[in-house]
Amino acid sequence: MNLELTTEQAEDLKTLLMNTVSDLSYEIAATDNAAFRAGLMARRARYNEVLDMVSRQSAERPSDGLVVGPDAVVRELAHPGD
């Protein structure tokens, strides 16, 4: 599956991901439960992967919009934990 985004949508997605990663970092620091912390850290890593992909793609195609893959990363963003 590929996810096609306009340039504006890609920028909104990058902003959303940056804010979410930042929020997760605070939540990770405030969490005492090791298992929960590990899950949050794994989620943050997945979101950072997607953020890197979006940033790379938008740099390569600044005015054409964006196509994001691979399936696993996009699916995880849409359905965390599935």
PDB file of N, CA and C in Angstrom:
ATOM      1  N   MET A   1       0.840  -1.168   0.000  1.00  0.00           N
ATOM      2  CA  MET A   1       0.000   0.000   0.000  1.00  0.00           C
ATOM      3  C   MET A   1       0.888   1.236   0.000  1.00  0.00           C
ATOM      4  N   ASN A   2       0.497   2.191  -0.788  1.00  0.00           N
ATOM      5  CA  ASN A   2       1.145   3.492  -0.771  1.00  0.00           C
ATOM      6  C   ASN A   2       0.137   4.521  -0.298  1.00  0.00           C
ATOM      7  N   LEU A   3       0.628   5.500   0.402  1.00  0.00           N
ATOM      8  CA  LEU A   3      -0.204   6.579   0.894  1.00  0.00           C
ATOM      9  C   LEU A   3       0.198   7.834   0.141  1.00  0.00           C
ATOM     10  N   GLU A   4      -0.720   8.389  -0.633  1.00  0.00           N
ATOM     11  CA  GLU A   4      -0.421   9.579  -1.407  1.00  0.00           C
ATOM     12  C   GLU A   4      -0.953  10.799  -0.680  1.00  0.00           C
ATOM     13  N   LEU A   5      -0.081  11.771  -0.467  1.00  0.00           N
ATOM     14  CA  LEU A   5      -0.436  12.987   0.256  1.00  0.00           C
ATOM     15  C   LEU A   5      -0.078  14.209  -0.577  1.00  0.00           C
ATOM     16  N   THR A   6      -0.861  15.248  -0.427  1.00  0.00           N
ATOM     17  CA  THR A   6      -0.479  16.524  -1.015  1.00  0.00           C
ATOM     18  C   THR A   6       0.653  17.102  -0.170  1.00  0.00           C
ATOM     19  N   THR A   7       1.288  18.129  -0.684  1.00  0.00           N
ATOM     20  CA  THR A   7       2.365  18.771   0.070  1.00  0.00           C
ATOM     21  C   THR A   7       1.849  19.295   1.408  1.00  0.00           C
ATOM     22  N   GLU A   8       0.673  19.893   1.396  1.00  0.00           N
ATOM     23  CA  GLU A   8       0.092  20.419   2.636  1.00  0.00           C
ATOM     24  C   GLU A   8      -0.203  19.288   3.626  1.00  0.00           C
ATOM     25  N   GLN A   9      -0.752  18.188   3.137  1.00  0.00           N
ATOM     26  CA  GLN A   9      -1.028  17.042   4.006  1.00  0.00           C
ATOM     27  C   GLN A   9       0.260  16.464   4.582  1.00  0.00           C
ATOM     28  N   ALA A  10       1.305  16.401   3.779  1.00  0.00           N
ATOM     29  CA  ALA A  10       2.590  15.883   4.254  1.00  0.00           C
ATOM     30  C   ALA A  10       3.145  16.771   5.363  1.00  0.00           C
ATOM     31  N   GLU A  11       3.029  18.080   5.195  1.00  0.00           N
ATOM     32  CA  GLU A  11       3.508  19.003   6.238  1.00  0.00           C
ATOM     33  C   GLU A  11       2.687  18.848   7.512  1.00  0.00           C
ATOM     34  N   ASP A  12       1.372  18.690   7.363  1.00  0.00           N
ATOM     35  CA  ASP A  12       0.515  18.467   8.537  1.00  0.00           C
ATOM     36  C   ASP A  12       0.885  17.157   9.234  1.00  0.00           C
ATOM     37  N   LEU A  13       1.163  16.118   8.465  1.00  0.00           N
ATOM     38  CA  LEU A  13       1.551  14.837   9.037  1.00  0.00           C
ATOM     39  C   LEU A  13       2.876  14.962   9.780  1.00  0.00           C
ATOM     40  N   LYS A  14       3.831  15.673   9.192  1.00  0.00           N
ATOM     41  CA  LYS A  14       5.119  15.873   9.873  1.00  0.00           C
ATOM     42  C   LYS A  14       4.921  16.608  11.193  1.00  0.00           C
ATOM     43  N   THR A  15       4.097  17.640  11.194  1.00  0.00           N
ATOM     44  CA  THR A  15       3.834  18.386  12.425  1.00  0.00           C
ATOM     45  C   THR A  15       3.172  17.501  13.474  1.00  0.00           C
ATOM     46  N   LEU A  16       2.178  16.724  13.044  1.00  0.00           N
ATOM     47  CA  LEU A  16       1.497  15.808  13.951  1.00  0.00           C
ATOM     48  C   LEU A  16       2.476  14.806  14.556  1.00  0.00           C
ATOM     49  N   LEU A  17       3.315  14.225  13.720  1.00  0.00           N
ATOM     50  CA  LEU A  17       4.278  13.234  14.202  1.00  0.00           C
ATOM     51  C   LEU A  17       5.298  13.865  15.154  1.00  0.00           C
ATOM     52  N   MET A  18       5.797  15.037  14.825  1.00  0.00           N
ATOM     53  CA  MET A  18       6.770  15.700  15.715  1.00  0.00           C
ATOM     54  C   MET A  18       6.145  15.986  17.075  1.00  0.00           C
ATOM     55  N   ASN A  19       4.901  16.472  17.081  1.00  0.00           N
ATOM     56  CA  ASN A  19       4.226  16.752  18.349  1.00  0.00           C
ATOM     57  C   ASN A  19       3.973  15.467  19.137  1.00  0.00           C
ATOM     58  N   THR A  20       3.574  14.415  18.439  1.00  0.00           N
ATOM     59  CA  THR A  20       3.298  13.144  19.099  1.00  0.00           C
ATOM     60  C   THR A  20       4.570  12.537  19.681  1.00  0.00           C
ATOM     61  N   VAL A  21       5.657  12.582  18.933  1.00  0.00           N
ATOM     62  CA  VAL A  21       6.940  12.063  19.420  1.00  0.00           C
ATOM     63  C   VAL A  21       7.373  12.842  20.656  1.00  0.00           C
ATOM     64  N   SER A  22       7.212  14.154  20.624  1.00  0.00           N
ATOM     65  CA  SER A  22       7.570  14.979  21.773  1.00  0.00           C
ATOM     66  C   SER A  22       6.722  14.614  22.990  1.00  0.00           C
ATOM     67  N   ASP A  23       5.419  14.479  22.789  1.00  0.00           N
ATOM     68  CA  ASP A  23       4.527  14.096  23.890  1.00  0.00           C
ATOM     69  C   ASP A  23       4.891  12.725  24.448  1.00  0.00           C
ATOM     70  N   LEU A  24       5.215  11.791  23.563  1.00  0.00           N
ATOM     71  CA  LEU A  24       5.600  10.448  24.024  1.00  0.00           C
ATOM     72  C   LEU A  24       6.869  10.499  24.859  1.00  0.00           C
ATOM     73  N   SER A  25       7.788  11.357  24.498  1.00  0.00           N
ATOM     74  CA  SER A  25       9.035  11.470  25.265  1.00  0.00           C
ATOM     75  C   SER A  25       8.752  11.890  26.704  1.00  0.00           C
ATOM     76  N   TYR A  26       7.839  12.840  26.890  1.00  0.00           N
ATOM     77  CA  TYR A  26       7.464  13.256  28.242  1.00  0.00           C
ATOM     78  C   TYR A  26       6.760  12.128  28.986  1.00  0.00           C
ATOM     79  N   GLU A  27       5.889  11.415  28.289  1.00  0.00           N
ATOM     80  CA  GLU A  27       5.166  10.315  28.914  1.00  0.00           C
ATOM     81  C   GLU A  27       6.121   9.191  29.304  1.00  0.00           C
ATOM     82  N   ILE A  28       7.094   8.906  28.455  1.00  0.00           N
ATOM     83  CA  ILE A  28       8.096   7.876  28.756  1.00  0.00           C
ATOM     84  C   ILE A  28       8.873   8.244  30.010  1.00  0.00           C
ATOM     85  N   ALA A  29       9.274   9.499  30.090  1.00  0.00           N
ATOM     86  CA  ALA A  29      10.056   9.948  31.251  1.00  0.00           C
ATOM     87  C   ALA A  29       9.250   9.876  32.543  1.00  0.00           C
ATOM     88  N   ALA A  30       7.933  10.034  32.454  1.00  0.00           N
ATOM     89  CA  ALA A  30       7.095  10.062  33.653  1.00  0.00           C
ATOM     90  C   ALA A  30       6.522   8.693  34.026  1.00  0.00           C
ATOM     91  N   THR A  31       6.830   7.668  33.253  1.00  0.00           N
ATOM     92  CA  THR A  31       6.241   6.342  33.473  1.00  0.00           C
ATOM     93  C   THR A  31       7.151   5.471  34.322  1.00  0.00           C
ATOM     94  N   ASP A  32       6.571   4.894  35.365  1.00  0.00           N
ATOM     95  CA  ASP A  32       7.333   4.006  36.251  1.00  0.00           C
ATOM     96  C   ASP A  32       7.258   2.542  35.820  1.00  0.00           C
ATOM     97  N   ASN A  33       6.214   2.171  35.115  1.00  0.00           N
ATOM     98  CA  ASN A  33       6.009   0.788  34.703  1.00  0.00           C
ATOM     99  C   ASN A  33       6.917   0.464  33.512  1.00  0.00           C
ATOM    100  N   ALA A  34       7.843  -0.472  33.711  1.00  0.00           N
ATOM    101  CA  ALA A  34       8.844  -0.786  32.682  1.00  0.00           C
ATOM    102  C   ALA A  34       8.219  -1.331  31.394  1.00  0.00           C
ATOM    103  N   ALA A  35       7.221  -2.184  31.515  1.00  0.00           N
ATOM    104  CA  ALA A  35       6.592  -2.758  30.322  1.00  0.00           C
ATOM    105  C   ALA A  35       5.855  -1.678  29.525  1.00  0.00           C
ATOM    106  N   PHE A  36       5.148  -0.813  30.215  1.00  0.00           N
ATOM    107  CA  PHE A  36       4.435   0.272  29.552  1.00  0.00           C
ATOM    108  C   PHE A  36       5.429   1.221  28.883  1.00  0.00           C
ATOM    109  N   ARG A  37       6.536   1.514  29.591  1.00  0.00           N
ATOM    110  CA  ARG A  37       7.580   2.383  29.036  1.00  0.00           C
ATOM    111  C   ARG A  37       8.158   1.770  27.756  1.00  0.00           C
ATOM    112  N   ALA A  38       8.407   0.469  27.769  1.00  0.00           N
ATOM    113  CA  ALA A  38       8.958  -0.200  26.587  1.00  0.00           C
ATOM    114  C   ALA A  38       7.995  -0.095  25.402  1.00  0.00           C
ATOM    115  N   GLY A  39       6.703  -0.252  25.664  1.00  0.00           N
ATOM    116  CA  GLY A  39       5.715  -0.105  24.604  1.00  0.00           C
ATOM    117  C   GLY A  39       5.680   1.305  24.037  1.00  0.00           C
ATOM    118  N   LEU A  40       5.771   2.297  24.917  1.00  0.00           N
ATOM    119  CA  LEU A  40       5.804   3.691  24.464  1.00  0.00           C
ATOM    120  C   LEU A  40       7.058   3.980  23.639  1.00  0.00           C
ATOM    121  N   MET A  41       8.171   3.415  24.067  1.00  0.00           N
ATOM    122  CA  MET A  41       9.420   3.627  23.337  1.00  0.00           C
ATOM    123  C   MET A  41       9.362   2.989  21.955  1.00  0.00           C
ATOM    124  N   ALA A  42       8.748   1.810  21.862  1.00  0.00           N
ATOM    125  CA  ALA A  42       8.600   1.143  20.567  1.00  0.00           C
ATOM    126  C   ALA A  42       7.688   1.965  19.655  1.00  0.00           C
ATOM    127  N   ARG A  43       6.603   2.493  20.210  1.00  0.00           N
ATOM    128  CA  ARG A  43       5.694   3.327  19.427  1.00  0.00           C
ATOM    129  C   ARG A  43       6.413   4.586  18.944  1.00  0.00           C
ATOM    130  N   ARG A  44       7.187   5.213  19.828  1.00  0.00           N
ATOM    131  CA  ARG A  44       7.935   6.412  19.444  1.00  0.00           C
ATOM    132  C   ARG A  44       8.916   6.099  18.313  1.00  0.00           C
ATOM    133  N   ALA A  45       9.552   4.945  18.377  1.00  0.00           N
ATOM    134  CA  ALA A  45      10.492   4.550  17.321  1.00  0.00           C
ATOM    135  C   ALA A  45       9.765   4.379  15.986  1.00  0.00           C
ATOM    136  N   ARG A  46       8.581   3.757  16.009  1.00  0.00           N
ATOM    137  CA  ARG A  46       7.802   3.598  14.775  1.00  0.00           C
ATOM    138  C   ARG A  46       7.392   4.948  14.212  1.00  0.00           C
ATOM    139  N   TYR A  47       6.949   5.837  15.069  1.00  0.00           N
ATOM    140  CA  TYR A  47       6.538   7.169  14.606  1.00  0.00           C
ATOM    141  C   TYR A  47       7.733   7.929  14.041  1.00  0.00           C
ATOM    142  N   ASN A  48       8.894   7.764  14.661  1.00  0.00           N
ATOM    143  CA  ASN A  48      10.098   8.407  14.123  1.00  0.00           C
ATOM    144  C   ASN A  48      10.458   7.848  12.746  1.00  0.00           C
ATOM    145  N   GLU A  49      10.242   6.556  12.530  1.00  0.00           N
ATOM    146  CA  GLU A  49      10.480   5.958  11.210  1.00  0.00           C
ATOM    147  C   GLU A  49       9.588   6.617  10.160  1.00  0.00           C
ATOM    148  N   VAL A  50       8.312   6.766  10.497  1.00  0.00           N
ATOM    149  CA  VAL A  50       7.384   7.387   9.558  1.00  0.00           C
ATOM    150  C   VAL A  50       7.764   8.844   9.337  1.00  0.00           C
ATOM    151  N   LEU A  51       8.127   9.542  10.394  1.00  0.00           N
ATOM    152  CA  LEU A  51       8.546  10.935  10.274  1.00  0.00           C
ATOM    153  C   LEU A  51       9.758  11.059   9.361  1.00  0.00           C
ATOM    154  N   ASP A  52      10.719  10.160   9.510  1.00  0.00           N
ATOM    155  CA  ASP A  52      11.897  10.169   8.631  1.00  0.00           C
ATOM    156  C   ASP A  52      11.502   9.930   7.183  1.00  0.00           C
ATOM    157  N   MET A  53      10.586   8.980   6.966  1.00  0.00           N
ATOM    158  CA  MET A  53      10.143   8.698   5.599  1.00  0.00           C
ATOM    159  C   MET A  53       9.441   9.908   4.991  1.00  0.00           C
ATOM    160  N   VAL A  54       8.553  10.528   5.747  1.00  0.00           N
ATOM    161  CA  VAL A  54       7.828  11.693   5.251  1.00  0.00           C
ATOM    162  C   VAL A  54       8.796  12.834   4.960  1.00  0.00           C
ATOM    163  N   SER A  55       9.733  13.044   5.844  1.00  0.00           N
ATOM    164  CA  SER A  55      10.708  14.123   5.649  1.00  0.00           C
ATOM    165  C   SER A  55      11.576  13.876   4.423  1.00  0.00           C
ATOM    166  N   ARG A  56      12.040  12.645   4.253  1.00  0.00           N
ATOM    167  CA  ARG A  56      12.859  12.299   3.087  1.00  0.00           C
ATOM    168  C   ARG A  56      12.082  12.479   1.793  1.00  0.00           C
ATOM    169  N   GLN A  57      10.872  11.938   1.764  1.00  0.00           N
ATOM    170  CA  GLN A  57      10.056  12.011   0.562  1.00  0.00           C
ATOM    171  C   GLN A  57       9.693  13.452   0.220  1.00  0.00           C
ATOM    172  N   SER A  58       9.336  14.245   1.216  1.00  0.00           N
ATOM    173  CA  SER A  58       8.936  15.611   0.916  1.00  0.00           C
ATOM    174  C   SER A  58      10.129  16.443   0.467  1.00  0.00           C
ATOM    175  N   ALA A  59      11.328  16.094   0.914  1.00  0.00           N
ATOM    176  CA  ALA A  59      12.531  16.786   0.443  1.00  0.00           C
ATOM    177  C   ALA A  59      12.821  16.428  -1.011  1.00  0.00           C
ATOM    178  N   GLU A  60      12.546  15.174  -1.379  1.00  0.00           N
ATOM    179  CA  GLU A  60      12.790  14.715  -2.748  1.00  0.00           C
ATOM    180  C   GLU A  60      11.720  15.204  -3.716  1.00  0.00           C
ATOM    181  N   ARG A  61      10.486  15.385  -3.227  1.00  0.00           N
ATOM    182  CA  ARG A  61       9.353  15.767  -4.080  1.00  0.00           C
ATOM    183  C   ARG A  61       8.629  16.954  -3.466  1.00  0.00           C
ATOM    184  N   PRO A  62       9.278  18.105  -3.351  1.00  0.00           N
ATOM    185  CA  PRO A  62       8.694  19.217  -2.605  1.00  0.00           C
ATOM    186  C   PRO A  62       7.380  19.761  -3.151  1.00  0.00           C
ATOM    187  N   SER A  63       7.124  19.674  -4.445  1.00  0.00           N
ATOM    188  CA  SER A  63       5.895  20.269  -4.975  1.00  0.00           C
ATOM    189  C   SER A  63       4.936  19.243  -5.548  1.00  0.00           C
ATOM    190  N   ASP A  64       5.322  17.981  -5.592  1.00  0.00           N
ATOM    191  CA  ASP A  64       4.494  16.953  -6.219  1.00  0.00           C
ATOM    192  C   ASP A  64       3.605  16.211  -5.237  1.00  0.00           C
ATOM    193  N   GLY A  65       3.650  16.537  -3.986  1.00  0.00           N
ATOM    194  CA  GLY A  65       2.947  15.729  -2.998  1.00  0.00           C
ATOM    195  C   GLY A  65       3.866  14.618  -2.531  1.00  0.00           C
ATOM    196  N   LEU A  66       3.302  13.570  -2.012  1.00  0.00           N
ATOM    197  CA  LEU A  66       4.098  12.569  -1.325  1.00  0.00           C
ATOM    198  C   LEU A  66       3.456  11.204  -1.454  1.00  0.00           C
ATOM    199  N   VAL A  67       4.298  10.183  -1.623  1.00  0.00           N
ATOM    200  CA  VAL A  67       3.850   8.796  -1.567  1.00  0.00           C
ATOM    201  C   VAL A  67       4.696   8.122  -0.504  1.00  0.00           C
ATOM    202  N   VAL A  68       4.043   7.566   0.517  1.00  0.00           N
ATOM    203  CA  VAL A  68       4.751   6.976   1.657  1.00  0.00           C
ATOM    204  C   VAL A  68       4.539   5.467   1.676  1.00  0.00           C
ATOM    205  N   GLY A  69       5.561   4.691   1.962  1.00  0.00           N
ATOM    206  CA  GLY A  69       5.510   3.249   2.148  1.00  0.00           C
ATOM    207  C   GLY A  69       6.581   2.930   3.162  1.00  0.00           C
ATOM    208  N   PRO A  70       6.895   1.764   3.521  1.00  0.00           N
ATOM    209  CA  PRO A  70       6.253   0.510   3.145  1.00  0.00           C
ATOM    210  C   PRO A  70       4.979   0.262   3.946  1.00  0.00           C
ATOM    211  N   ASP A  71       4.283  -0.782   3.586  1.00  0.00           N
ATOM    212  CA  ASP A  71       2.974  -1.072   4.180  1.00  0.00           C
ATOM    213  C   ASP A  71       3.003  -1.118   5.702  1.00  0.00           C
ATOM    214  N   ALA A  72       3.970  -1.795   6.279  1.00  0.00           N
ATOM    215  CA  ALA A  72       3.973  -2.024   7.721  1.00  0.00           C
ATOM    216  C   ALA A  72       4.014  -0.724   8.501  1.00  0.00           C
ATOM    217  N   VAL A  73       4.815   0.218   8.072  1.00  0.00           N
ATOM    218  CA  VAL A  73       4.947   1.467   8.817  1.00  0.00           C
ATOM    219  C   VAL A  73       3.677   2.291   8.686  1.00  0.00           C
ATOM    220  N   VAL A  74       3.130   2.382   7.483  1.00  0.00           N
ATOM    221  CA  VAL A  74       1.901   3.147   7.290  1.00  0.00           C
ATOM    222  C   VAL A  74       0.752   2.499   8.047  1.00  0.00           C
ATOM    223  N   ARG A  75       0.653   1.179   8.001  1.00  0.00           N
ATOM    224  CA  ARG A  75      -0.407   0.476   8.714  1.00  0.00           C
ATOM    225  C   ARG A  75      -0.288   0.710  10.212  1.00  0.00           C
ATOM    226  N   GLU A  76       0.908   0.705  10.738  1.00  0.00           N
ATOM    227  CA  GLU A  76       1.105   0.884  12.172  1.00  0.00           C
ATOM    228  C   GLU A  76       0.658   2.272  12.604  1.00  0.00           C
ATOM    229  N   LEU A  77       0.925   3.253  11.778  1.00  0.00           N
ATOM    230  CA  LEU A  77       0.491   4.609  12.119  1.00  0.00           C
ATOM    231  C   LEU A  77      -1.027   4.690  12.160  1.00  0.00           C
ATOM    232  N   ALA A  78      -1.691   4.040  11.213  1.00  0.00           N
ATOM    233  CA  ALA A  78      -3.143   4.094  11.133  1.00  0.00           C
ATOM    234  C   ALA A  78      -3.807   3.213  12.181  1.00  0.00           C
ATOM    235  N   HIS A  79      -3.186   2.088  12.526  1.00  0.00           N
ATOM    236  CA  HIS A  79      -3.775   1.122  13.460  1.00  0.00           C
ATOM    237  C   HIS A  79      -2.726   0.655  14.473  1.00  0.00           C
ATOM    238  N   PRO A  80      -2.312   1.517  15.398  1.00  0.00           N
ATOM    239  CA  PRO A  80      -1.280   1.127  16.358  1.00  0.00           C
ATOM    240  C   PRO A  80      -1.654  -0.132  17.132  1.00  0.00           C
ATOM    241  N   GLY A  81      -0.708  -1.027  17.242  1.00  0.00           N
ATOM    242  CA  GLY A  81      -0.907  -2.225  18.041  1.00  0.00           C
ATOM    243  C   GLY A  81      -1.541  -3.393  17.329  1.00  0.00           C
ATOM    244  N   ASP A  82      -1.954  -3.217  16.063  1.00  0.00           N
ATOM    245  CA  ASP A  82      -2.560  -4.331  15.317  1.00  0.00           C
ATOM    246  C   ASP A  82      -1.518  -5.328  14.898  1.00  0.00           C
TER     247      ASP A  82
END
